[in-house]
Amino acid sequence: MPLTVRLAIQNEHSDPVSSSQLTNLLLYHRSLSRPAIYSVDDLRIWCQEHSTIPDSNALHDVFVSRFYVNSCEQTIHPYSITLISTDEAASSYTDVLQTLKQTVFDVTGITHQVKYRMGDGGNVLSKCREHRKMVPVDKWEDIERDLLTIQLSFDDGVFQRGVQLLLKRWREIPDLVIFANYFEEQWVVDLKIV
C-alpha cells in the first residue's frame, strides 16, 4: 500500500490502523465506486492455475500451455491460445476468440488484435474429402493440391486472396461449382475468413 495513503488515513484516526484494516477499507471504497478490477498479476495467477493440460476426459477444460507476464511493464505475452475440442463447429472457435478479446479488454482496457491464426488444415482437408463425391474423380487431385497449397499461406492477406482466387477458378469449371459453394459456405463464410 502506498505510504501516502497510509499516512493520510492514520492522520484521520487517533488509534493505530493496521495494514489489513487499511487494505479492507480501500477494497470496500473501491467496490463502491468501481467494477471489479483485475491486475496483470491476477492474470498471471489465473494462467498458473490453468497451466496443467487436462486429461482426455476433460477436453473442454481451459488450459494455458505457455505464457509470460511482466508485472513491471504491465504487459502480457501469450504464446498460444489453444482450443482442443471434439466440437468442430466454427461457432466454437468464434466464441473462444470473442471471449478472449473481451477478457483481454476487461483485464487491461486494451483492445486485443489477433495477429496470427493457426488452424488445423488437416481437419479441413479430411472434411473436404468426405464431400469428394461433389467432384468428378478426375478433378479431385487438383482440388486436393489446391487445398494443400492454400494451407501454406504465410499471412491472412495471402490466404484470403488465395481463397478468393480458388473459388473463382473452381466456379469457372461447371463440375466444381457445387463443391466451390460447399467450401465457401462451410470454410469461408462460417469461419469468416474472407
C-alpha atoms as a PDB file:
ATOM      1  CA  MET A   1       0.000   0.000   0.000  1.00  0.00           C
ATOM      2  CA  PRO A   2       1.372   3.449  -0.870  1.00  0.00           C
ATOM      3  CA  LEU A   3       2.839   5.270   2.098  1.00  0.00           C
ATOM      4  CA  THR A   4       0.895   8.463   1.325  1.00  0.00           C
ATOM      5  CA  VAL A   5      -2.439   6.617   1.584  1.00  0.00           C
ATOM      6  CA  ARG A   6      -1.415   5.006   4.867  1.00  0.00           C
ATOM      7  CA  LEU A   7      -0.313   8.331   6.376  1.00  0.00           C
ATOM      8  CA  ALA A   8      -3.440  10.141   5.216  1.00  0.00           C
ATOM      9  CA  ILE A   9      -5.728   7.561   6.838  1.00  0.00           C
ATOM     10  CA  GLN A  10      -3.683   7.356  10.041  1.00  0.00           C
ATOM     11  CA  ASN A  11      -3.794  11.167  10.362  1.00  0.00           C
ATOM     12  CA  GLU A  12      -7.600  10.946  10.407  1.00  0.00           C
ATOM     13  CA  HIS A  13      -7.655   8.426  13.307  1.00  0.00           C
ATOM     14  CA  SER A  14      -6.081   8.693  16.729  1.00  0.00           C
ATOM     15  CA  ASP A  15      -5.765   4.915  17.169  1.00  0.00           C
ATOM     16  CA  PRO A  16      -3.203   2.891  15.194  1.00  0.00           C
ATOM     17  CA  VAL A  17      -4.576   1.400  11.977  1.00  0.00           C
ATOM     18  CA  SER A  18      -3.239  -1.977  10.860  1.00  0.00           C
ATOM     19  CA  SER A  19      -2.295  -2.796   7.274  1.00  0.00           C
ATOM     20  CA  SER A  20      -5.164  -5.269   6.974  1.00  0.00           C
ATOM     21  CA  GLN A  21      -7.646  -2.611   8.158  1.00  0.00           C
ATOM     22  CA  LEU A  22      -6.295  -0.170   5.573  1.00  0.00           C
ATOM     23  CA  THR A  23      -6.466  -2.761   2.828  1.00  0.00           C
ATOM     24  CA  ASN A  24     -10.037  -3.703   3.731  1.00  0.00           C
ATOM     25  CA  LEU A  25     -11.056  -0.043   3.865  1.00  0.00           C
ATOM     26  CA  LEU A  26      -9.590   0.616   0.423  1.00  0.00           C
ATOM     27  CA  LEU A  27     -11.178  -2.512  -1.018  1.00  0.00           C
ATOM     28  CA  TYR A  28     -14.537  -1.500   0.409  1.00  0.00           C
ATOM     29  CA  HIS A  29     -14.389   2.006  -1.067  1.00  0.00           C
ATOM     30  CA  ARG A  30     -13.138   0.657  -4.385  1.00  0.00           C
ATOM     31  CA  SER A  31     -16.067  -1.782  -4.540  1.00  0.00           C
ATOM     32  CA  LEU A  32     -18.492   1.132  -4.135  1.00  0.00           C
ATOM     33  CA  SER A  33     -17.099   3.222  -6.958  1.00  0.00           C
ATOM     34  CA  ARG A  34     -15.546   0.790  -9.457  1.00  0.00           C
ATOM     35  CA  PRO A  35     -16.359  -2.507 -11.084  1.00  0.00           C
ATOM     36  CA  ALA A  36     -14.083  -5.440 -10.392  1.00  0.00           C
ATOM     37  CA  ILE A  37     -10.526  -4.583 -11.388  1.00  0.00           C
ATOM     38  CA  TYR A  38      -8.063  -7.267 -12.362  1.00  0.00           C
ATOM     39  CA  SER A  39      -4.346  -6.770 -12.416  1.00  0.00           C
ATOM     40  CA  VAL A  40      -1.713  -8.340 -14.613  1.00  0.00           C
ATOM     41  CA  ASP A  41      -0.770 -10.401 -11.553  1.00  0.00           C
ATOM     42  CA  ASP A  42      -4.363 -11.690 -11.367  1.00  0.00           C
ATOM     43  CA  LEU A  43      -3.996 -12.883 -14.947  1.00  0.00           C
ATOM     44  CA  ARG A  44      -0.620 -14.489 -14.150  1.00  0.00           C
ATOM     45  CA  ILE A  45      -2.155 -16.360 -11.204  1.00  0.00           C
ATOM     46  CA  TRP A  46      -5.089 -17.487 -13.359  1.00  0.00           C
ATOM     47  CA  CYS A  47      -2.696 -18.734 -16.059  1.00  0.00           C
ATOM     48  CA  GLN A  48      -0.681 -20.642 -13.457  1.00  0.00           C
ATOM     49  CA  GLU A  49      -3.842 -22.226 -12.044  1.00  0.00           C
ATOM     50  CA  HIS A  50      -4.838 -23.342 -15.566  1.00  0.00           C
ATOM     51  CA  SER A  51      -1.414 -24.423 -16.854  1.00  0.00           C
ATOM     52  CA  THR A  52      -1.933 -28.166 -16.421  1.00  0.00           C
ATOM     53  CA  ILE A  53      -3.070 -29.889 -19.595  1.00  0.00           C
ATOM     54  CA  PRO A  54      -6.398 -31.574 -18.822  1.00  0.00           C
ATOM     55  CA  ASP A  55      -6.743 -35.310 -19.228  1.00  0.00           C
ATOM     56  CA  SER A  56      -8.677 -36.830 -22.133  1.00  0.00           C
ATOM     57  CA  ASN A  57     -11.930 -36.893 -20.113  1.00  0.00           C
ATOM     58  CA  ALA A  58     -11.900 -33.113 -19.803  1.00  0.00           C
ATOM     59  CA  LEU A  59     -11.418 -31.961 -23.389  1.00  0.00           C
ATOM     60  CA  HIS A  60     -13.494 -28.834 -22.854  1.00  0.00           C
ATOM     61  CA  ASP A  61     -11.466 -27.592 -19.880  1.00  0.00           C
ATOM     62  CA  VAL A  62      -9.453 -24.440 -20.478  1.00  0.00           C
ATOM     63  CA  PHE A  63      -5.697 -24.539 -20.113  1.00  0.00           C
ATOM     64  CA  VAL A  64      -2.841 -22.185 -20.903  1.00  0.00           C
ATOM     65  CA  SER A  65       0.060 -24.010 -22.457  1.00  0.00           C
ATOM     66  CA  ARG A  66       2.667 -21.230 -22.102  1.00  0.00           C
ATOM     67  CA  PHE A  67       2.584 -17.627 -21.016  1.00  0.00           C
ATOM     68  CA  TYR A  68       4.770 -14.757 -19.947  1.00  0.00           C
ATOM     69  CA  VAL A  69       3.581 -11.918 -17.748  1.00  0.00           C
ATOM     70  CA  ASN A  70       5.775  -8.986 -16.768  1.00  0.00           C
ATOM     71  CA  SER A  71       4.184  -7.045 -13.911  1.00  0.00           C
ATOM     72  CA  CYS A  72       6.746  -4.249 -14.093  1.00  0.00           C
ATOM     73  CA  GLU A  73       5.948  -3.471 -17.725  1.00  0.00           C
ATOM     74  CA  GLN A  74       2.239  -4.279 -17.280  1.00  0.00           C
ATOM     75  CA  THR A  75       2.397  -6.384 -20.425  1.00  0.00           C
ATOM     76  CA  ILE A  76       1.040  -9.766 -21.370  1.00  0.00           C
ATOM     77  CA  HIS A  77       2.713 -12.012 -23.923  1.00  0.00           C
ATOM     78  CA  PRO A  78       0.614 -15.116 -24.594  1.00  0.00           C
ATOM     79  CA  TYR A  79       2.488 -17.716 -26.578  1.00  0.00           C
ATOM     80  CA  SER A  80      -0.592 -19.521 -27.742  1.00  0.00           C
ATOM     81  CA  ILE A  81      -4.236 -19.965 -27.082  1.00  0.00           C
ATOM     82  CA  THR A  82      -5.420 -23.415 -27.982  1.00  0.00           C
ATOM     83  CA  LEU A  83      -8.873 -24.882 -28.280  1.00  0.00           C
ATOM     84  CA  ILE A  84      -8.893 -28.641 -28.127  1.00  0.00           C
ATOM     85  CA  SER A  85     -12.346 -29.972 -28.652  1.00  0.00           C
ATOM     86  CA  THR A  86     -14.361 -32.697 -30.271  1.00  0.00           C
ATOM     87  CA  ASP A  87     -16.755 -29.939 -31.382  1.00  0.00           C
ATOM     88  CA  GLU A  88     -15.514 -28.712 -34.745  1.00  0.00           C
ATOM     89  CA  ALA A  89     -18.204 -26.121 -35.344  1.00  0.00           C
ATOM     90  CA  ALA A  90     -16.982 -22.718 -36.483  1.00  0.00           C
ATOM     91  CA  SER A  91     -19.070 -21.125 -33.736  1.00  0.00           C
ATOM     92  CA  SER A  92     -16.853 -22.740 -31.064  1.00  0.00           C
ATOM     93  CA  TYR A  93     -13.766 -21.024 -32.426  1.00  0.00           C
ATOM     94  CA  THR A  94     -15.585 -17.735 -32.936  1.00  0.00           C
ATOM     95  CA  ASP A  95     -16.842 -17.852 -29.333  1.00  0.00           C
ATOM     96  CA  VAL A  96     -13.336 -18.532 -27.995  1.00  0.00           C
ATOM     97  CA  LEU A  97     -11.798 -15.618 -29.920  1.00  0.00           C
ATOM     98  CA  GLN A  98     -14.603 -13.219 -28.957  1.00  0.00           C
ATOM     99  CA  THR A  99     -14.306 -14.264 -25.299  1.00  0.00           C
ATOM    100  CA  LEU A 100     -10.540 -13.804 -25.436  1.00  0.00           C
ATOM    101  CA  LYS A 101     -10.842 -10.319 -26.915  1.00  0.00           C
ATOM    102  CA  GLN A 102     -13.435  -9.322 -24.302  1.00  0.00           C
ATOM    103  CA  THR A 103     -11.391 -10.787 -21.429  1.00  0.00           C
ATOM    104  CA  VAL A 104      -8.215  -9.006 -22.510  1.00  0.00           C
ATOM    105  CA  PHE A 105     -10.178  -5.757 -22.761  1.00  0.00           C
ATOM    106  CA  ASP A 106     -11.810  -6.299 -19.345  1.00  0.00           C
ATOM    107  CA  VAL A 107      -8.465  -7.045 -17.691  1.00  0.00           C
ATOM    108  CA  THR A 108      -6.239  -4.488 -19.445  1.00  0.00           C
ATOM    109  CA  GLY A 109      -8.544  -1.948 -21.049  1.00  0.00           C
ATOM    110  CA  ILE A 110      -6.718  -2.620 -24.331  1.00  0.00           C
ATOM    111  CA  THR A 111      -8.446  -3.902 -27.452  1.00  0.00           C
ATOM    112  CA  HIS A 112      -6.702  -7.153 -28.384  1.00  0.00           C
ATOM    113  CA  GLN A 113      -5.973  -7.664 -32.064  1.00  0.00           C
ATOM    114  CA  VAL A 114      -5.409 -11.227 -33.223  1.00  0.00           C
ATOM    115  CA  LYS A 115      -2.240 -11.021 -35.300  1.00  0.00           C
ATOM    116  CA  TYR A 116      -1.744 -14.659 -36.197  1.00  0.00           C
ATOM    117  CA  ARG A 117      -4.125 -17.551 -36.576  1.00  0.00           C
ATOM    118  CA  MET A 118      -3.272 -21.152 -36.995  1.00  0.00           C
ATOM    119  CA  GLY A 119      -5.817 -23.709 -37.932  1.00  0.00           C
ATOM    120  CA  ASP A 120      -5.986 -27.401 -38.375  1.00  0.00           C
ATOM    121  CA  GLY A 121      -5.650 -27.598 -42.143  1.00  0.00           C
ATOM    122  CA  GLY A 122      -5.648 -31.375 -41.952  1.00  0.00           C
ATOM    123  CA  ASN A 123      -9.129 -31.170 -40.495  1.00  0.00           C
ATOM    124  CA  VAL A 124     -10.323 -29.040 -43.421  1.00  0.00           C
ATOM    125  CA  LEU A 125      -8.804 -31.485 -45.875  1.00  0.00           C
ATOM    126  CA  SER A 126     -10.322 -34.541 -44.193  1.00  0.00           C
ATOM    127  CA  LYS A 127     -13.769 -32.889 -44.059  1.00  0.00           C
ATOM    128  CA  CYS A 128     -13.485 -31.908 -47.728  1.00  0.00           C
ATOM    129  CA  ARG A 129     -12.512 -35.483 -48.592  1.00  0.00           C
ATOM    130  CA  GLU A 130     -15.829 -36.580 -47.071  1.00  0.00           C
ATOM    131  CA  HIS A 131     -17.513 -34.429 -49.756  1.00  0.00           C
ATOM    132  CA  ARG A 132     -15.383 -35.526 -52.705  1.00  0.00           C
ATOM    133  CA  LYS A 133     -18.460 -37.065 -54.313  1.00  0.00           C
ATOM    134  CA  MET A 134     -19.346 -33.499 -55.323  1.00  0.00           C
ATOM    135  CA  VAL A 135     -16.282 -33.518 -57.582  1.00  0.00           C
ATOM    136  CA  PRO A 136     -15.613 -35.775 -60.576  1.00  0.00           C
ATOM    137  CA  VAL A 137     -12.936 -38.362 -59.734  1.00  0.00           C
ATOM    138  CA  ASP A 138     -10.506 -36.983 -62.337  1.00  0.00           C
ATOM    139  CA  LYS A 139     -10.679 -33.491 -60.807  1.00  0.00           C
ATOM    140  CA  TRP A 140     -10.260 -34.395 -57.111  1.00  0.00           C
ATOM    141  CA  GLU A 141      -6.452 -34.497 -57.267  1.00  0.00           C
ATOM    142  CA  ASP A 142      -6.405 -30.848 -58.426  1.00  0.00           C
ATOM    143  CA  ILE A 143      -8.792 -29.823 -55.627  1.00  0.00           C
ATOM    144  CA  GLU A 144      -6.648 -31.564 -53.025  1.00  0.00           C
ATOM    145  CA  ARG A 145      -3.475 -29.954 -54.377  1.00  0.00           C
ATOM    146  CA  ASP A 146      -5.200 -26.530 -54.235  1.00  0.00           C
ATOM    147  CA  LEU A 147      -6.227 -27.112 -50.616  1.00  0.00           C
ATOM    148  CA  LEU A 148      -2.726 -28.215 -49.622  1.00  0.00           C
ATOM    149  CA  THR A 149      -1.216 -25.173 -51.354  1.00  0.00           C
ATOM    150  CA  ILE A 150      -3.529 -22.671 -49.667  1.00  0.00           C
ATOM    151  CA  GLN A 151      -2.556 -24.092 -46.271  1.00  0.00           C
ATOM    152  CA  LEU A 152       0.982 -22.836 -46.837  1.00  0.00           C
ATOM    153  CA  SER A 153      -0.105 -19.177 -46.853  1.00  0.00           C
ATOM    154  CA  PHE A 154       2.178 -17.177 -44.597  1.00  0.00           C
ATOM    155  CA  ASP A 155      -0.278 -14.440 -43.637  1.00  0.00           C
ATOM    156  CA  ASP A 156      -4.017 -13.706 -43.576  1.00  0.00           C
ATOM    157  CA  GLY A 157      -3.926 -11.413 -46.620  1.00  0.00           C
ATOM    158  CA  VAL A 158      -2.246 -14.015 -48.820  1.00  0.00           C
ATOM    159  CA  PHE A 159      -4.593 -16.704 -47.506  1.00  0.00           C
ATOM    160  CA  GLN A 160      -7.727 -14.635 -48.108  1.00  0.00           C
ATOM    161  CA  ARG A 161      -6.671 -13.661 -51.623  1.00  0.00           C
ATOM    162  CA  GLY A 162      -5.748 -17.281 -52.378  1.00  0.00           C
ATOM    163  CA  VAL A 163      -9.173 -18.489 -51.253  1.00  0.00           C
ATOM    164  CA  GLN A 164     -10.884 -15.865 -53.417  1.00  0.00           C
ATOM    165  CA  LEU A 165      -8.848 -16.934 -56.454  1.00  0.00           C
ATOM    166  CA  LEU A 166      -9.511 -20.635 -55.819  1.00  0.00           C
ATOM    167  CA  LEU A 167     -13.250 -20.071 -55.537  1.00  0.00           C
ATOM    168  CA  LYS A 168     -13.244 -18.017 -58.735  1.00  0.00           C
ATOM    169  CA  ARG A 169     -11.270 -20.688 -60.620  1.00  0.00           C
ATOM    170  CA  TRP A 170     -13.403 -23.549 -59.277  1.00  0.00           C
ATOM    171  CA  ARG A 171     -16.611 -21.751 -60.273  1.00  0.00           C
ATOM    172  CA  GLU A 172     -15.343 -21.367 -63.834  1.00  0.00           C
ATOM    173  CA  ILE A 173     -15.424 -25.183 -64.126  1.00  0.00           C
ATOM    174  CA  PRO A 174     -19.079 -26.338 -64.163  1.00  0.00           C
ATOM    175  CA  ASP A 175     -18.258 -29.669 -62.464  1.00  0.00           C
ATOM    176  CA  LEU A 176     -16.740 -27.846 -59.475  1.00  0.00           C
ATOM    177  CA  VAL A 177     -19.425 -25.227 -58.770  1.00  0.00           C
ATOM    178  CA  ILE A 178     -21.250 -27.369 -56.186  1.00  0.00           C
ATOM    179  CA  PHE A 179     -18.011 -28.105 -54.326  1.00  0.00           C
ATOM    180  CA  ALA A 180     -16.979 -24.417 -54.511  1.00  0.00           C
ATOM    181  CA  ASN A 181     -20.325 -23.434 -52.959  1.00  0.00           C
ATOM    182  CA  TYR A 182     -19.900 -26.062 -50.210  1.00  0.00           C
ATOM    183  CA  PHE A 183     -16.329 -24.936 -49.500  1.00  0.00           C
ATOM    184  CA  GLU A 184     -17.276 -21.262 -49.360  1.00  0.00           C
ATOM    185  CA  GLU A 185     -20.269 -21.837 -47.079  1.00  0.00           C
ATOM    186  CA  GLN A 186     -18.552 -24.276 -44.708  1.00  0.00           C
ATOM    187  CA  TRP A 187     -14.978 -22.992 -44.588  1.00  0.00           C
ATOM    188  CA  VAL A 188     -15.140 -19.330 -45.613  1.00  0.00           C
ATOM    189  CA  VAL A 189     -18.490 -17.801 -44.603  1.00  0.00           C
ATOM    190  CA  ASP A 190     -18.999 -19.796 -41.382  1.00  0.00           C
ATOM    191  CA  LEU A 191     -15.413 -19.122 -40.272  1.00  0.00           C
ATOM    192  CA  LYS A 192     -15.476 -15.527 -41.584  1.00  0.00           C
ATOM    193  CA  ILE A 193     -12.034 -15.814 -43.145  1.00  0.00           C
ATOM    194  CA  VAL A 194     -12.630 -13.689 -46.240  1.00  0.00           C
END
